[in-house]
Amino acid sequence: MTDISVSDAAAKRIVKILQKQADKSALRISVEGGGCSGFSYKFDLVSDTNDDDLIIEKDGAKVLIDSISVPYIDGSVIDFIDDLMGQSFQINNPNVTSSCGCGVSFAI
């Protein structure tokens, strides 16, 4: 059982983005090797679901996470931040032991 959630702000933003992308139906989040701290998040708009995807749905938003990435972000909250620094999806991940100064890569 996984415990990954989507904030209200992230769900609203995903719905808004997907309304402008008629051929896309979900936001795919994955964890990839790389970045200055070892791992980085990747965000893609997709139309297909894979058999091993974790599917999270909230208020009309759909998030897909592949089975390999799930353990790295289990317990996380997917959020959308809109502040003076800009707009971005952020993953509040309790598994992260360190991250780089740019905030894009992390270590577990």
PDB file of N, CA and C in Angstrom:
ATOM      1  N   MET A   1       0.850  -1.191   0.000  1.00  0.00           N
ATOM      2  CA  MET A   1       0.000   0.000   0.000  1.00  0.00           C
ATOM      3  C   MET A   1       0.888   1.244   0.000  1.00  0.00           C
ATOM      4  N   THR A   2       0.613   2.129  -0.917  1.00  0.00           N
ATOM      5  CA  THR A   2       1.398   3.356  -0.994  1.00  0.00           C
ATOM      6  C   THR A   2       0.623   4.518  -0.403  1.00  0.00           C
ATOM      7  N   ASP A   3       1.369   5.518   0.001  1.00  0.00           N
ATOM      8  CA  ASP A   3       0.770   6.702   0.601  1.00  0.00           C
ATOM      9  C   ASP A   3       1.316   7.936  -0.121  1.00  0.00           C
ATOM     10  N   ILE A   4       0.857   8.125  -1.352  1.00  0.00           N
ATOM     11  CA  ILE A   4       1.242   9.284  -2.142  1.00  0.00           C
ATOM     12  C   ILE A   4      -0.035  10.073  -2.399  1.00  0.00           C
ATOM     13  N   SER A   5       0.001  11.372  -2.110  1.00  0.00           N
ATOM     14  CA  SER A   5      -1.208  12.170  -2.281  1.00  0.00           C
ATOM     15  C   SER A   5      -0.951  13.393  -3.165  1.00  0.00           C
ATOM     16  N   VAL A   6      -2.036  13.951  -3.643  1.00  0.00           N
ATOM     17  CA  VAL A   6      -2.001  15.139  -4.499  1.00  0.00           C
ATOM     18  C   VAL A   6      -2.721  16.254  -3.755  1.00  0.00           C
ATOM     19  N   SER A   7      -2.073  17.410  -3.622  1.00  0.00           N
ATOM     20  CA  SER A   7      -2.703  18.545  -2.938  1.00  0.00           C
ATOM     21  C   SER A   7      -3.822  19.118  -3.799  1.00  0.00           C
ATOM     22  N   ASP A   8      -4.687  19.901  -3.175  1.00  0.00           N
ATOM     23  CA  ASP A   8      -5.767  20.574  -3.917  1.00  0.00           C
ATOM     24  C   ASP A   8      -5.190  21.475  -5.000  1.00  0.00           C
ATOM     25  N   ALA A   9      -4.127  22.209  -4.664  1.00  0.00           N
ATOM     26  CA  ALA A   9      -3.517  23.139  -5.625  1.00  0.00           C
ATOM     27  C   ALA A   9      -2.952  22.389  -6.822  1.00  0.00           C
ATOM     28  N   ALA A  10      -2.320  21.245  -6.583  1.00  0.00           N
ATOM     29  CA  ALA A  10      -1.765  20.455  -7.685  1.00  0.00           C
ATOM     30  C   ALA A  10      -2.880  19.889  -8.554  1.00  0.00           C
ATOM     31  N   ALA A  11      -3.939  19.391  -7.932  1.00  0.00           N
ATOM     32  CA  ALA A  11      -5.057  18.836  -8.703  1.00  0.00           C
ATOM     33  C   ALA A  11      -5.671  19.901  -9.602  1.00  0.00           C
ATOM     34  N   LYS A  12      -5.884  21.085  -9.066  1.00  0.00           N
ATOM     35  CA  LYS A  12      -6.464  22.176  -9.871  1.00  0.00           C
ATOM     36  C   LYS A  12      -5.569  22.535 -11.044  1.00  0.00           C
ATOM     37  N   ARG A  13      -4.257  22.595 -10.809  1.00  0.00           N
ATOM     38  CA  ARG A  13      -3.318  22.960 -11.874  1.00  0.00           C
ATOM     39  C   ARG A  13      -3.246  21.867 -12.944  1.00  0.00           C
ATOM     40  N   ILE A  14      -3.251  20.613 -12.533  1.00  0.00           N
ATOM     41  CA  ILE A  14      -3.229  19.508 -13.495  1.00  0.00           C
ATOM     42  C   ILE A  14      -4.460  19.564 -14.388  1.00  0.00           C
ATOM     43  N   VAL A  15      -5.626  19.761 -13.797  1.00  0.00           N
ATOM     44  CA  VAL A  15      -6.867  19.868 -14.578  1.00  0.00           C
ATOM     45  C   VAL A  15      -6.769  21.023 -15.570  1.00  0.00           C
ATOM     46  N   LYS A  16      -6.270  22.158 -15.107  1.00  0.00           N
ATOM     47  CA  LYS A  16      -6.151  23.338 -15.974  1.00  0.00           C
ATOM     48  C   LYS A  16      -5.203  23.073 -17.152  1.00  0.00           C
ATOM     49  N   ILE A  17      -4.085  22.429 -16.878  1.00  0.00           N
ATOM     50  CA  ILE A  17      -3.113  22.121 -17.939  1.00  0.00           C
ATOM     51  C   ILE A  17      -3.709  21.130 -18.935  1.00  0.00           C
ATOM     52  N   LEU A  18      -4.357  20.083 -18.429  1.00  0.00           N
ATOM     53  CA  LEU A  18      -4.895  19.057 -19.310  1.00  0.00           C
ATOM     54  C   LEU A  18      -6.059  19.569 -20.158  1.00  0.00           C
ATOM     55  N   GLN A  19      -6.790  20.579 -19.684  1.00  0.00           N
ATOM     56  CA  GLN A  19      -7.871  21.162 -20.473  1.00  0.00           C
ATOM     57  C   GLN A  19      -7.324  21.798 -21.751  1.00  0.00           C
ATOM     58  N   LYS A  20      -6.068  22.241 -21.707  1.00  0.00           N
ATOM     59  CA  LYS A  20      -5.442  22.879 -22.872  1.00  0.00           C
ATOM     60  C   LYS A  20      -4.726  21.869 -23.765  1.00  0.00           C
ATOM     61  N   GLN A  21      -4.636  20.630 -23.325  1.00  0.00           N
ATOM     62  CA  GLN A  21      -3.946  19.569 -24.059  1.00  0.00           C
ATOM     63  C   GLN A  21      -4.945  18.444 -24.350  1.00  0.00           C
ATOM     64  N   ALA A  22      -5.730  18.611 -25.403  1.00  0.00           N
ATOM     65  CA  ALA A  22      -6.821  17.682 -25.690  1.00  0.00           C
ATOM     66  C   ALA A  22      -6.358  16.236 -25.887  1.00  0.00           C
ATOM     67  N   ASP A  23      -5.136  16.037 -26.342  1.00  0.00           N
ATOM     68  CA  ASP A  23      -4.641  14.685 -26.603  1.00  0.00           C
ATOM     69  C   ASP A  23      -3.946  14.054 -25.391  1.00  0.00           C
ATOM     70  N   LYS A  24      -3.925  14.744 -24.246  1.00  0.00           N
ATOM     71  CA  LYS A  24      -3.283  14.231 -23.041  1.00  0.00           C
ATOM     72  C   LYS A  24      -4.324  14.032 -21.948  1.00  0.00           C
ATOM     73  N   SER A  25      -4.100  13.001 -21.112  1.00  0.00           N
ATOM     74  CA  SER A  25      -5.111  12.700 -20.093  1.00  0.00           C
ATOM     75  C   SER A  25      -4.561  12.642 -18.669  1.00  0.00           C
ATOM     76  N   ALA A  26      -3.228  12.725 -18.516  1.00  0.00           N
ATOM     77  CA  ALA A  26      -2.665  12.583 -17.174  1.00  0.00           C
ATOM     78  C   ALA A  26      -1.285  13.220 -17.086  1.00  0.00           C
ATOM     79  N   LEU A  27      -0.873  13.480 -15.844  1.00  0.00           N
ATOM     80  CA  LEU A  27       0.494  13.918 -15.552  1.00  0.00           C
ATOM     81  C   LEU A  27       1.256  12.698 -15.063  1.00  0.00           C
ATOM     82  N   ARG A  28       2.332  12.344 -15.756  1.00  0.00           N
ATOM     83  CA  ARG A  28       3.181  11.229 -15.336  1.00  0.00           C
ATOM     84  C   ARG A  28       4.376  11.790 -14.565  1.00  0.00           C
ATOM     85  N   ILE A  29       4.611  11.221 -13.387  1.00  0.00           N
ATOM     86  CA  ILE A  29       5.767  11.592 -12.569  1.00  0.00           C
ATOM     87  C   ILE A  29       6.653  10.368 -12.452  1.00  0.00           C
ATOM     88  N   SER A  30       7.939  10.560 -12.701  1.00  0.00           N
ATOM     89  CA  SER A  30       8.881   9.463 -12.557  1.00  0.00           C
ATOM     90  C   SER A  30      10.149   9.959 -11.873  1.00  0.00           C
ATOM     91  N   VAL A  31      10.904   9.013 -11.347  1.00  0.00           N
ATOM     92  CA  VAL A  31      12.191   9.314 -10.722  1.00  0.00           C
ATOM     93  C   VAL A  31      13.259   8.730 -11.627  1.00  0.00           C
ATOM     94  N   GLU A  32      14.251   9.554 -11.960  1.00  0.00           N
ATOM     95  CA  GLU A  32      15.327   9.109 -12.831  1.00  0.00           C
ATOM     96  C   GLU A  32      16.670   9.312 -12.147  1.00  0.00           C
ATOM     97  N   GLY A  33      17.629   8.490 -12.488  1.00  0.00           N
ATOM     98  CA  GLY A  33      18.979   8.685 -11.996  1.00  0.00           C
ATOM     99  C   GLY A  33      19.582   9.905 -12.666  1.00  0.00           C
ATOM    100  N   GLY A  34      20.339  10.690 -11.905  1.00  0.00           N
ATOM    101  CA  GLY A  34      20.968  11.874 -12.483  1.00  0.00           C
ATOM    102  C   GLY A  34      20.826  13.077 -11.578  1.00  0.00           C
ATOM    103  N   GLY A  35      21.322  14.183 -12.045  1.00  0.00           N
ATOM    104  CA  GLY A  35      21.306  15.393 -11.229  1.00  0.00           C
ATOM    105  C   GLY A  35      22.465  15.370 -10.255  1.00  0.00           C
ATOM    106  N   CYS A  36      22.730  16.481  -9.626  1.00  0.00           N
ATOM    107  CA  CYS A  36      23.903  16.572  -8.756  1.00  0.00           C
ATOM    108  C   CYS A  36      23.766  15.776  -7.470  1.00  0.00           C
ATOM    109  N   SER A  37      22.559  15.378  -7.088  1.00  0.00           N
ATOM    110  CA  SER A  37      22.399  14.615  -5.844  1.00  0.00           C
ATOM    111  C   SER A  37      22.059  13.142  -6.065  1.00  0.00           C
ATOM    112  N   GLY A  38      21.936  12.707  -7.312  1.00  0.00           N
ATOM    113  CA  GLY A  38      21.713  11.286  -7.568  1.00  0.00           C
ATOM    114  C   GLY A  38      20.415  10.944  -8.267  1.00  0.00           C
ATOM    115  N   PHE A  39      19.320  11.614  -7.912  1.00  0.00           N
ATOM    116  CA  PHE A  39      18.017  11.352  -8.518  1.00  0.00           C
ATOM    117  C   PHE A  39      17.354  12.671  -8.888  1.00  0.00           C
ATOM    118  N   SER A  40      16.445  12.611  -9.862  1.00  0.00           N
ATOM    119  CA  SER A  40      15.652  13.794 -10.195  1.00  0.00           C
ATOM    120  C   SER A  40      14.250  13.359 -10.603  1.00  0.00           C
ATOM    121  N   TYR A  41      13.312  14.269 -10.442  1.00  0.00           N
ATOM    122  CA  TYR A  41      11.929  14.015 -10.831  1.00  0.00           C
ATOM    123  C   TYR A  41      11.738  14.415 -12.282  1.00  0.00           C
ATOM    124  N   LYS A  42      10.889  13.680 -12.980  1.00  0.00           N
ATOM    125  CA  LYS A  42      10.539  14.014 -14.353  1.00  0.00           C
ATOM    126  C   LYS A  42       9.016  14.110 -14.423  1.00  0.00           C
ATOM    127  N   PHE A  43       8.536  15.159 -15.059  1.00  0.00           N
ATOM    128  CA  PHE A  43       7.099  15.394 -15.215  1.00  0.00           C
ATOM    129  C   PHE A  43       6.774  15.399 -16.710  1.00  0.00           C
ATOM    130  N   ASP A  44       5.792  14.604 -17.119  1.00  0.00           N
ATOM    131  CA  ASP A  44       5.371  14.545 -18.519  1.00  0.00           C
ATOM    132  C   ASP A  44       3.850  14.493 -18.605  1.00  0.00           C
ATOM    133  N   LEU A  45       3.306  15.104 -19.642  1.00  0.00           N
ATOM    134  CA  LEU A  45       1.890  14.948 -19.955  1.00  0.00           C
ATOM    135  C   LEU A  45       1.766  13.768 -20.898  1.00  0.00           C
ATOM    136  N   VAL A  46       0.876  12.835 -20.591  1.00  0.00           N
ATOM    137  CA  VAL A  46       0.747  11.614 -21.379  1.00  0.00           C
ATOM    138  C   VAL A  46      -0.725  11.286 -21.648  1.00  0.00           C
ATOM    139  N   SER A  47      -0.918  10.384 -22.603  1.00  0.00           N
ATOM    140  CA  SER A  47      -2.276   9.940 -22.905  1.00  0.00           C
ATOM    141  C   SER A  47      -2.472   8.460 -22.589  1.00  0.00           C
ATOM    142  N   ASP A  48      -1.372   7.732 -22.375  1.00  0.00           N
ATOM    143  CA  ASP A  48      -1.469   6.295 -22.146  1.00  0.00           C
ATOM    144  C   ASP A  48      -1.105   5.923 -20.714  1.00  0.00           C
ATOM    145  N   THR A  49      -1.769   4.883 -20.231  1.00  0.00           N
ATOM    146  CA  THR A  49      -1.490   4.324 -18.913  1.00  0.00           C
ATOM    147  C   THR A  49      -0.784   2.980 -19.111  1.00  0.00           C
ATOM    148  N   ASN A  50       0.246   2.727 -18.328  1.00  0.00           N
ATOM    149  CA  ASN A  50       0.923   1.429 -18.379  1.00  0.00           C
ATOM    150  C   ASN A  50       0.314   0.492 -17.340  1.00  0.00           C
ATOM    151  N   ASP A  51       0.433  -0.804 -17.574  1.00  0.00           N
ATOM    152  CA  ASP A  51      -0.162  -1.799 -16.677  1.00  0.00           C
ATOM    153  C   ASP A  51       0.347  -1.697 -15.246  1.00  0.00           C
ATOM    154  N   ASP A  52       1.606  -1.272 -15.071  1.00  0.00           N
ATOM    155  CA  ASP A  52       2.188  -1.235 -13.727  1.00  0.00           C
ATOM    156  C   ASP A  52       2.112   0.152 -13.070  1.00  0.00           C
ATOM    157  N   ASP A  53       1.370   1.080 -13.667  1.00  0.00           N
ATOM    158  CA  ASP A  53       1.262   2.431 -13.116  1.00  0.00           C
ATOM    159  C   ASP A  53       0.429   2.484 -11.845  1.00  0.00           C
ATOM    160  N   LEU A  54       0.873   3.284 -10.902  1.00  0.00           N
ATOM    161  CA  LEU A  54       0.024   3.693  -9.789  1.00  0.00           C
ATOM    162  C   LEU A  54      -0.788   4.866 -10.319  1.00  0.00           C
ATOM    163  N   ILE A  55      -2.097   4.799 -10.173  1.00  0.00           N
ATOM    164  CA  ILE A  55      -2.974   5.857 -10.666  1.00  0.00           C
ATOM    165  C   ILE A  55      -3.583   6.575  -9.469  1.00  0.00           C
ATOM    166  N   ILE A  56      -3.363   7.872  -9.412  1.00  0.00           N
ATOM    167  CA  ILE A  56      -3.928   8.698  -8.347  1.00  0.00           C
ATOM    168  C   ILE A  56      -4.880   9.685  -9.012  1.00  0.00           C
ATOM    169  N   GLU A  57      -6.129   9.696  -8.571  1.00  0.00           N
ATOM    170  CA  GLU A  57      -7.107  10.614  -9.130  1.00  0.00           C
ATOM    171  C   GLU A  57      -7.675  11.493  -8.022  1.00  0.00           C
ATOM    172  N   LYS A  58      -7.781  12.788  -8.336  1.00  0.00           N
ATOM    173  CA  LYS A  58      -8.335  13.730  -7.367  1.00  0.00           C
ATOM    174  C   LYS A  58      -8.989  14.881  -8.114  1.00  0.00           C
ATOM    175  N   ASP A  59     -10.247  15.126  -7.846  1.00  0.00           N
ATOM    176  CA  ASP A  59     -10.982  16.275  -8.385  1.00  0.00           C
ATOM    177  C   ASP A  59     -10.813  16.430  -9.896  1.00  0.00           C
ATOM    178  N   GLY A  60     -10.827  15.317 -10.626  1.00  0.00           N
ATOM    179  CA  GLY A  60     -10.707  15.361 -12.078  1.00  0.00           C
ATOM    180  C   GLY A  60      -9.290  15.298 -12.597  1.00  0.00           C
ATOM    181  N   ALA A  61      -8.304  15.347 -11.714  1.00  0.00           N
ATOM    182  CA  ALA A  61      -6.890  15.255 -12.115  1.00  0.00           C
ATOM    183  C   ALA A  61      -6.436  13.804 -12.011  1.00  0.00           C
ATOM    184  N   LYS A  62      -5.587  13.400 -12.951  1.00  0.00           N
ATOM    185  CA  LYS A  62      -5.028  12.045 -12.919  1.00  0.00           C
ATOM    186  C   LYS A  62      -3.499  12.134 -12.950  1.00  0.00           C
ATOM    187  N   VAL A  63      -2.873  11.443 -11.980  1.00  0.00           N
ATOM    188  CA  VAL A  63      -1.416  11.368 -11.888  1.00  0.00           C
ATOM    189  C   VAL A  63      -1.025   9.906 -12.020  1.00  0.00           C
ATOM    190  N   LEU A  64      -0.018   9.646 -12.852  1.00  0.00           N
ATOM    191  CA  LEU A  64       0.497   8.294 -13.049  1.00  0.00           C
ATOM    192  C   LEU A  64       1.936   8.225 -12.547  1.00  0.00           C
ATOM    193  N   ILE A  65       2.251   7.154 -11.824  1.00  0.00           N
ATOM    194  CA  ILE A  65       3.615   6.940 -11.341  1.00  0.00           C
ATOM    195  C   ILE A  65       3.978   5.493 -11.643  1.00  0.00           C
ATOM    196  N   ASP A  66       5.095   5.281 -12.348  1.00  0.00           N
ATOM    197  CA  ASP A  66       5.498   3.924 -12.695  1.00  0.00           C
ATOM    198  C   ASP A  66       5.940   3.160 -11.449  1.00  0.00           C
ATOM    199  N   SER A  67       5.854   1.838 -11.529  1.00  0.00           N
ATOM    200  CA  SER A  67       6.110   0.999 -10.356  1.00  0.00           C
ATOM    201  C   SER A  67       7.542   1.106  -9.845  1.00  0.00           C
ATOM    202  N   ILE A  68       8.496   1.423 -10.708  1.00  0.00           N
ATOM    203  CA  ILE A  68       9.891   1.562 -10.265  1.00  0.00           C
ATOM    204  C   ILE A  68      10.074   2.840  -9.456  1.00  0.00           C
ATOM    205  N   SER A  69       9.335   3.892  -9.794  1.00  0.00           N
ATOM    206  CA  SER A  69       9.472   5.180  -9.103  1.00  0.00           C
ATOM    207  C   SER A  69       8.718   5.239  -7.779  1.00  0.00           C
ATOM    208  N   VAL A  70       7.670   4.431  -7.631  1.00  0.00           N
ATOM    209  CA  VAL A  70       6.816   4.505  -6.435  1.00  0.00           C
ATOM    210  C   VAL A  70       7.600   4.413  -5.127  1.00  0.00           C
ATOM    211  N   PRO A  71       8.521   3.446  -4.950  1.00  0.00           N
ATOM    212  CA  PRO A  71       9.223   3.363  -3.656  1.00  0.00           C
ATOM    213  C   PRO A  71      10.030   4.619  -3.311  1.00  0.00           C
ATOM    214  N   TYR A  72      10.503   5.327  -4.328  1.00  0.00           N
ATOM    215  CA  TYR A  72      11.306   6.525  -4.095  1.00  0.00           C
ATOM    216  C   TYR A  72      10.469   7.715  -3.616  1.00  0.00           C
ATOM    217  N   ILE A  73       9.173   7.694  -3.933  1.00  0.00           N
ATOM    218  CA  ILE A  73       8.332   8.832  -3.542  1.00  0.00           C
ATOM    219  C   ILE A  73       7.161   8.429  -2.644  1.00  0.00           C
ATOM    220  N   ASP A  74       7.207   7.213  -2.124  1.00  0.00           N
ATOM    221  CA  ASP A  74       6.153   6.774  -1.219  1.00  0.00           C
ATOM    222  C   ASP A  74       6.104   7.691   0.005  1.00  0.00           C
ATOM    223  N   GLY A  75       4.918   8.089   0.399  1.00  0.00           N
ATOM    224  CA  GLY A  75       4.743   8.981   1.543  1.00  0.00           C
ATOM    225  C   GLY A  75       4.764  10.452   1.160  1.00  0.00           C
ATOM    226  N   SER A  76       4.933  10.736  -0.126  1.00  0.00           N
ATOM    227  CA  SER A  76       5.073  12.124  -0.588  1.00  0.00           C
ATOM    228  C   SER A  76       3.733  12.796  -0.863  1.00  0.00           C
ATOM    229  N   VAL A  77       3.799  14.130  -0.889  1.00  0.00           N
ATOM    230  CA  VAL A  77       2.666  14.945  -1.319  1.00  0.00           C
ATOM    231  C   VAL A  77       3.102  15.691  -2.579  1.00  0.00           C
ATOM    232  N   ILE A  78       2.332  15.527  -3.636  1.00  0.00           N
ATOM    233  CA  ILE A  78       2.583  16.243  -4.880  1.00  0.00           C
ATOM    234  C   ILE A  78       1.839  17.566  -4.772  1.00  0.00           C
ATOM    235  N   ASP A  79       2.575  18.667  -4.887  1.00  0.00           N
ATOM    236  CA  ASP A  79       1.993  19.990  -4.666  1.00  0.00           C
ATOM    237  C   ASP A  79       2.299  20.889  -5.861  1.00  0.00           C
ATOM    238  N   PHE A  80       1.560  21.983  -5.945  1.00  0.00           N
ATOM    239  CA  PHE A  80       1.839  23.014  -6.944  1.00  0.00           C
ATOM    240  C   PHE A  80       2.024  24.325  -6.202  1.00  0.00           C
ATOM    241  N   ILE A  81       3.159  24.967  -6.434  1.00  0.00           N
ATOM    242  CA  ILE A  81       3.512  26.203  -5.744  1.00  0.00           C
ATOM    243  C   ILE A  81       3.478  27.361  -6.731  1.00  0.00           C
ATOM    244  N   ASP A  82       2.853  28.442  -6.322  1.00  0.00           N
ATOM    245  CA  ASP A  82       2.805  29.670  -7.129  1.00  0.00           C
ATOM    246  C   ASP A  82       3.185  30.808  -6.192  1.00  0.00           C
ATOM    247  N   ASP A  83       4.454  31.227  -6.277  1.00  0.00           N
ATOM    248  CA  ASP A  83       4.927  32.293  -5.388  1.00  0.00           C
ATOM    249  C   ASP A  83       5.836  33.243  -6.161  1.00  0.00           C
ATOM    250  N   LEU A  84       6.519  34.121  -5.467  1.00  0.00           N
ATOM    251  CA  LEU A  84       7.382  35.101  -6.120  1.00  0.00           C
ATOM    252  C   LEU A  84       8.525  34.455  -6.905  1.00  0.00           C
ATOM    253  N   MET A  85       8.897  33.252  -6.532  1.00  0.00           N
ATOM    254  CA  MET A  85       9.982  32.545  -7.225  1.00  0.00           C
ATOM    255  C   MET A  85       9.500  31.886  -8.513  1.00  0.00           C
ATOM    256  N   GLY A  86       8.186  31.817  -8.713  1.00  0.00           N
ATOM    257  CA  GLY A  86       7.634  31.214  -9.924  1.00  0.00           C
ATOM    258  C   GLY A  86       6.614  30.149  -9.606  1.00  0.00           C
ATOM    259  N   GLN A  87       6.244  29.411 -10.638  1.00  0.00           N
ATOM    260  CA  GLN A  87       5.263  28.350 -10.514  1.00  0.00           C
ATOM    261  C   GLN A  87       5.929  27.019 -10.809  1.00  0.00           C
ATOM    262  N   SER A  88       5.631  26.011  -9.985  1.00  0.00           N
ATOM    263  CA  SER A  88       6.199  24.695 -10.242  1.00  0.00           C
ATOM    264  C   SER A  88       5.482  23.622  -9.432  1.00  0.00           C
ATOM    265  N   PHE A  89       5.522  22.409  -9.988  1.00  0.00           N
ATOM    266  CA  PHE A  89       5.097  21.253  -9.214  1.00  0.00           C
ATOM    267  C   PHE A  89       6.252  20.897  -8.293  1.00  0.00           C
ATOM    268  N   GLN A  90       5.935  20.555  -7.062  1.00  0.00           N
ATOM    269  CA  GLN A  90       6.953  20.150  -6.104  1.00  0.00           C
ATOM    270  C   GLN A  90       6.494  18.875  -5.412  1.00  0.00           C
ATOM    271  N   ILE A  91       7.442  18.054  -5.077  1.00  0.00           N
ATOM    272  CA  ILE A  91       7.143  16.818  -4.367  1.00  0.00           C
ATOM    273  C   ILE A  91       7.749  16.923  -2.977  1.00  0.00           C
ATOM    274  N   ASN A  92       6.891  16.957  -1.985  1.00  0.00           N
ATOM    275  CA  ASN A  92       7.328  17.001  -0.589  1.00  0.00           C
ATOM    276  C   ASN A  92       7.556  15.558  -0.153  1.00  0.00           C
ATOM    277  N   ASN A  93       8.818  15.143  -0.227  1.00  0.00           N
ATOM    278  CA  ASN A  93       9.184  13.744  -0.080  1.00  0.00           C
ATOM    279  C   ASN A  93       9.904  13.501   1.248  1.00  0.00           C
ATOM    280  N   PRO A  94       9.292  12.718   2.154  1.00  0.00           N
ATOM    281  CA  PRO A  94       9.921  12.454   3.451  1.00  0.00           C
ATOM    282  C   PRO A  94      11.129  11.525   3.362  1.00  0.00           C
ATOM    283  N   ASN A  95      11.334  10.873   2.211  1.00  0.00           N
ATOM    284  CA  ASN A  95      12.441   9.942   2.035  1.00  0.00           C
ATOM    285  C   ASN A  95      13.752  10.627   1.673  1.00  0.00           C
ATOM    286  N   VAL A  96      13.689  11.887   1.276  1.00  0.00           N
ATOM    287  CA  VAL A  96      14.872  12.608   0.808  1.00  0.00           C
ATOM    288  C   VAL A  96      15.800  12.912   1.988  1.00  0.00           C
ATOM    289  N   THR A  97      17.063  12.544   1.832  1.00  0.00           N
ATOM    290  CA  THR A  97      18.051  12.822   2.880  1.00  0.00           C
ATOM    291  C   THR A  97      18.831  14.096   2.582  1.00  0.00           C
ATOM    292  N   SER A  98      18.937  14.461   1.296  1.00  0.00           N
ATOM    293  CA  SER A  98      19.585  15.712   0.916  1.00  0.00           C
ATOM    294  C   SER A  98      19.132  16.093  -0.483  1.00  0.00           C
ATOM    295  N   SER A  99      19.254  17.377  -0.789  1.00  0.00           N
ATOM    296  CA  SER A  99      18.920  17.848  -2.133  1.00  0.00           C
ATOM    297  C   SER A  99      19.940  18.897  -2.532  1.00  0.00           C
ATOM    298  N   CYS A 100      20.017  19.148  -3.818  1.00  0.00           N
ATOM    299  CA  CYS A 100      20.997  20.133  -4.271  1.00  0.00           C
ATOM    300  C   CYS A 100      20.428  21.543  -4.132  1.00  0.00           C
ATOM    301  N   GLY A 101      21.263  22.528  -4.284  1.00  0.00           N
ATOM    302  CA  GLY A 101      20.843  23.919  -4.116  1.00  0.00           C
ATOM    303  C   GLY A 101      19.775  24.351  -5.091  1.00  0.00           C
ATOM    304  N   CYS A 102      19.751  23.745  -6.276  1.00  0.00           N
ATOM    305  CA  CYS A 102      18.749  24.150  -7.273  1.00  0.00           C
ATOM    306  C   CYS A 102      17.388  23.545  -6.950  1.00  0.00           C
ATOM    307  N   GLY A 103      17.352  22.533  -6.066  1.00  0.00           N
ATOM    308  CA  GLY A 103      16.089  21.933  -5.665  1.00  0.00           C
ATOM    309  C   GLY A 103      15.521  20.946  -6.664  1.00  0.00           C
ATOM    310  N   VAL A 104      16.277  20.619  -7.707  1.00  0.00           N
ATOM    311  CA  VAL A 104      15.775  19.718  -8.741  1.00  0.00           C
ATOM    312  C   VAL A 104      16.168  18.275  -8.483  1.00  0.00           C
ATOM    313  N   SER A 105      17.341  18.030  -7.914  1.00  0.00           N
ATOM    314  CA  SER A 105      17.768  16.663  -7.675  1.00  0.00           C
ATOM    315  C   SER A 105      17.821  16.395  -6.170  1.00  0.00           C
ATOM    316  N   PHE A 106      17.842  15.075  -5.840  1.00  0.00           N
ATOM    317  CA  PHE A 106      17.786  14.698  -4.431  1.00  0.00           C
ATOM    318  C   PHE A 106      18.505  13.376  -4.219  1.00  0.00           C
ATOM    319  N   ALA A 107      18.757  13.061  -2.956  1.00  0.00           N
ATOM    320  CA  ALA A 107      19.361  11.774  -2.568  1.00  0.00           C
ATOM    321  C   ALA A 107      18.457  11.100  -1.555  1.00  0.00           C
ATOM    322  N   ILE A 108      18.518   9.773  -1.554  1.00  0.00           N
ATOM    323  CA  ILE A 108      17.737   8.980  -0.599  1.00  0.00           C
ATOM    324  C   ILE A 108      18.696   8.114   0.184  1.00  0.00           C
TER     325      ILE A 108
END
